[in-house]
């Protein structure tokens, strides 16, 4: 990918001002195999190189990457999201009506 494309992507990203940018490439799977080949699939190094060039142009940095997924995460900082602990409490009263064994017939 040329530097010109990176500048164009940076312009779009700066306009949108997202919290995170996930840089990833085409993956040779499914129906797309009829239109493209394995040669069209960028390597993880290509994606990381692109991400390292893009990040400073959007005032962000490469925060994380996954080689098996061929993806890089670009952003300002990783913000941990607290995950609440699961509760095993099950309330006695669920706030619903008790079951009715026989419903009355309604005649008009």
C-alpha atoms as a PDB file:
ATOM      1  CA  UNK A   1       0.000   0.000   0.000  1.00  0.00           C
ATOM      2  CA  UNK A   2       1.400   3.373  -0.949  1.00  0.00           C
ATOM      3  CA  UNK A   3       1.967   6.280   1.423  1.00  0.00           C
ATOM      4  CA  UNK A   4      -0.681   8.166  -0.544  1.00  0.00           C
ATOM      5  CA  UNK A   5      -3.312   5.671   0.575  1.00  0.00           C
ATOM      6  CA  UNK A   6      -2.174   5.991   4.175  1.00  0.00           C
ATOM      7  CA  UNK A   7      -2.622   9.772   3.988  1.00  0.00           C
ATOM      8  CA  UNK A   8      -6.139   9.274   2.615  1.00  0.00           C
ATOM      9  CA  UNK A   9      -7.017   6.806   5.372  1.00  0.00           C
ATOM     10  CA  UNK A  10      -5.575   9.215   7.958  1.00  0.00           C
ATOM     11  CA  UNK A  11      -7.751  12.039   6.606  1.00  0.00           C
ATOM     12  CA  UNK A  12     -10.875   9.870   6.960  1.00  0.00           C
ATOM     13  CA  UNK A  13      -9.893   8.667  10.429  1.00  0.00           C
ATOM     14  CA  UNK A  14      -9.115  12.198  11.615  1.00  0.00           C
ATOM     15  CA  UNK A  15     -12.506  13.353  10.368  1.00  0.00           C
ATOM     16  CA  UNK A  16     -14.350  10.510  12.136  1.00  0.00           C
ATOM     17  CA  UNK A  17     -12.179  10.739  15.289  1.00  0.00           C
ATOM     18  CA  UNK A  18     -12.868   7.167  16.475  1.00  0.00           C
ATOM     19  CA  UNK A  19     -11.687   5.833  19.823  1.00  0.00           C
ATOM     20  CA  UNK A  20     -10.145   2.797  18.133  1.00  0.00           C
ATOM     21  CA  UNK A  21      -9.112   1.820  14.623  1.00  0.00           C
ATOM     22  CA  UNK A  22      -8.846  -1.858  13.762  1.00  0.00           C
ATOM     23  CA  UNK A  23      -6.466  -2.357  10.856  1.00  0.00           C
ATOM     24  CA  UNK A  24      -6.999  -5.641   9.068  1.00  0.00           C
ATOM     25  CA  UNK A  25      -6.814  -6.987   5.567  1.00  0.00           C
ATOM     26  CA  UNK A  26      -8.660  -9.248   3.192  1.00  0.00           C
ATOM     27  CA  UNK A  27      -8.904 -12.899   4.260  1.00  0.00           C
ATOM     28  CA  UNK A  28      -9.097 -15.642   1.645  1.00  0.00           C
ATOM     29  CA  UNK A  29     -12.199 -17.473   2.904  1.00  0.00           C
ATOM     30  CA  UNK A  30     -15.746 -18.210   1.844  1.00  0.00           C
ATOM     31  CA  UNK A  31     -17.377 -16.840  -1.288  1.00  0.00           C
ATOM     32  CA  UNK A  32     -14.646 -14.210  -1.789  1.00  0.00           C
ATOM     33  CA  UNK A  33     -12.308 -16.947  -3.038  1.00  0.00           C
ATOM     34  CA  UNK A  34     -14.157 -16.791  -6.358  1.00  0.00           C
ATOM     35  CA  UNK A  35     -13.059 -13.168  -6.880  1.00  0.00           C
ATOM     36  CA  UNK A  36      -9.611 -12.911  -5.274  1.00  0.00           C
ATOM     37  CA  UNK A  37      -6.632 -15.172  -4.639  1.00  0.00           C
ATOM     38  CA  UNK A  38      -4.275 -15.901  -1.732  1.00  0.00           C
ATOM     39  CA  UNK A  39      -1.856 -13.346  -3.197  1.00  0.00           C
ATOM     40  CA  UNK A  40      -4.428 -10.609  -2.439  1.00  0.00           C
ATOM     41  CA  UNK A  41      -4.278 -11.402   1.285  1.00  0.00           C
ATOM     42  CA  UNK A  42      -1.799  -9.098   3.086  1.00  0.00           C
ATOM     43  CA  UNK A  43       0.605 -10.585   5.596  1.00  0.00           C
ATOM     44  CA  UNK A  44       0.493  -9.594   9.245  1.00  0.00           C
ATOM     45  CA  UNK A  45       3.766  -7.720   8.728  1.00  0.00           C
ATOM     46  CA  UNK A  46       2.102  -5.677   5.940  1.00  0.00           C
ATOM     47  CA  UNK A  47      -0.807  -4.806   8.239  1.00  0.00           C
ATOM     48  CA  UNK A  48       1.538  -3.914  11.098  1.00  0.00           C
ATOM     49  CA  UNK A  49       3.669  -1.753   8.804  1.00  0.00           C
ATOM     50  CA  UNK A  50       0.535   0.055   7.592  1.00  0.00           C
ATOM     51  CA  UNK A  51      -0.639   0.520  11.196  1.00  0.00           C
ATOM     52  CA  UNK A  52       2.735   1.877  12.325  1.00  0.00           C
ATOM     53  CA  UNK A  53       2.647   4.449   9.498  1.00  0.00           C
ATOM     54  CA  UNK A  54      -0.995   5.391  10.078  1.00  0.00           C
ATOM     55  CA  UNK A  55      -0.920   5.718  13.880  1.00  0.00           C
ATOM     56  CA  UNK A  56       1.220   8.882  14.163  1.00  0.00           C
ATOM     57  CA  UNK A  57      -0.799  10.582  11.413  1.00  0.00           C
ATOM     58  CA  UNK A  58      -3.960  10.188  13.497  1.00  0.00           C
ATOM     59  CA  UNK A  59      -2.288  11.016  16.851  1.00  0.00           C
ATOM     60  CA  UNK A  60      -2.594   7.459  18.096  1.00  0.00           C
ATOM     61  CA  UNK A  61      -0.363   4.425  18.585  1.00  0.00           C
ATOM     62  CA  UNK A  62      -0.522   0.715  17.891  1.00  0.00           C
ATOM     63  CA  UNK A  63      -1.926  -0.667  21.144  1.00  0.00           C
ATOM     64  CA  UNK A  64      -2.173  -4.355  20.351  1.00  0.00           C
ATOM     65  CA  UNK A  65      -1.887  -6.887  17.560  1.00  0.00           C
ATOM     66  CA  UNK A  66      -2.810 -10.474  16.798  1.00  0.00           C
ATOM     67  CA  UNK A  67      -0.658 -12.346  14.305  1.00  0.00           C
ATOM     68  CA  UNK A  68      -3.091 -15.292  13.822  1.00  0.00           C
ATOM     69  CA  UNK A  69      -5.939 -12.855  13.110  1.00  0.00           C
ATOM     70  CA  UNK A  70      -3.756 -10.511  11.032  1.00  0.00           C
ATOM     71  CA  UNK A  71      -5.089  -7.471  12.857  1.00  0.00           C
ATOM     72  CA  UNK A  72      -3.718  -4.432  14.704  1.00  0.00           C
ATOM     73  CA  UNK A  73      -5.513  -2.146  17.164  1.00  0.00           C
ATOM     74  CA  UNK A  74      -4.748   1.576  16.920  1.00  0.00           C
ATOM     75  CA  UNK A  75      -5.864   4.013  19.614  1.00  0.00           C
ATOM     76  CA  UNK A  76      -4.813   6.464  22.302  1.00  0.00           C
ATOM     77  CA  UNK A  77      -4.970   4.114  25.273  1.00  0.00           C
ATOM     78  CA  UNK A  78      -6.422   0.807  26.330  1.00  0.00           C
ATOM     79  CA  UNK A  79      -9.223   1.404  28.797  1.00  0.00           C
ATOM     80  CA  UNK A  80      -9.963  -1.657  30.927  1.00  0.00           C
ATOM     81  CA  UNK A  81     -13.644  -2.486  31.158  1.00  0.00           C
ATOM     82  CA  UNK A  82     -14.642  -3.932  34.528  1.00  0.00           C
ATOM     83  CA  UNK A  83     -16.543  -7.178  34.250  1.00  0.00           C
ATOM     84  CA  UNK A  84     -18.931  -7.749  37.146  1.00  0.00           C
ATOM     85  CA  UNK A  85     -18.781 -11.065  38.933  1.00  0.00           C
ATOM     86  CA  UNK A  86     -21.597 -13.459  38.221  1.00  0.00           C
ATOM     87  CA  UNK A  87     -24.223 -13.861  40.907  1.00  0.00           C
ATOM     88  CA  UNK A  88     -25.764 -17.186  41.769  1.00  0.00           C
ATOM     89  CA  UNK A  89     -28.760 -15.524  43.402  1.00  0.00           C
ATOM     90  CA  UNK A  90     -32.139 -16.508  41.960  1.00  0.00           C
ATOM     91  CA  UNK A  91     -35.085 -14.530  43.379  1.00  0.00           C
ATOM     92  CA  UNK A  92     -38.071 -16.333  44.881  1.00  0.00           C
ATOM     93  CA  UNK A  93     -40.544 -13.972  43.256  1.00  0.00           C
ATOM     94  CA  UNK A  94     -39.891 -13.229  39.612  1.00  0.00           C
ATOM     95  CA  UNK A  95     -42.731 -10.718  39.491  1.00  0.00           C
ATOM     96  CA  UNK A  96     -44.898 -12.820  37.208  1.00  0.00           C
ATOM     97  CA  UNK A  97     -48.367 -14.251  37.690  1.00  0.00           C
ATOM     98  CA  UNK A  98     -48.709 -17.772  39.069  1.00  0.00           C
ATOM     99  CA  UNK A  99     -49.545 -20.478  36.533  1.00  0.00           C
ATOM    100  CA  UNK A 100     -53.219 -21.091  35.791  1.00  0.00           C
ATOM    101  CA  UNK A 101     -54.146 -24.727  35.221  1.00  0.00           C
ATOM    102  CA  UNK A 102     -57.466 -24.031  33.530  1.00  0.00           C
ATOM    103  CA  UNK A 103     -58.255 -20.831  31.775  1.00  0.00           C
ATOM    104  CA  UNK A 104     -61.903 -19.708  31.797  1.00  0.00           C
ATOM    105  CA  UNK A 105     -63.679 -19.769  28.447  1.00  0.00           C
ATOM    106  CA  UNK A 106     -64.502 -16.360  27.095  1.00  0.00           C
ATOM    107  CA  UNK A 107     -67.729 -16.208  25.124  1.00  0.00           C
ATOM    108  CA  UNK A 108     -68.895 -13.262  23.071  1.00  0.00           C
END
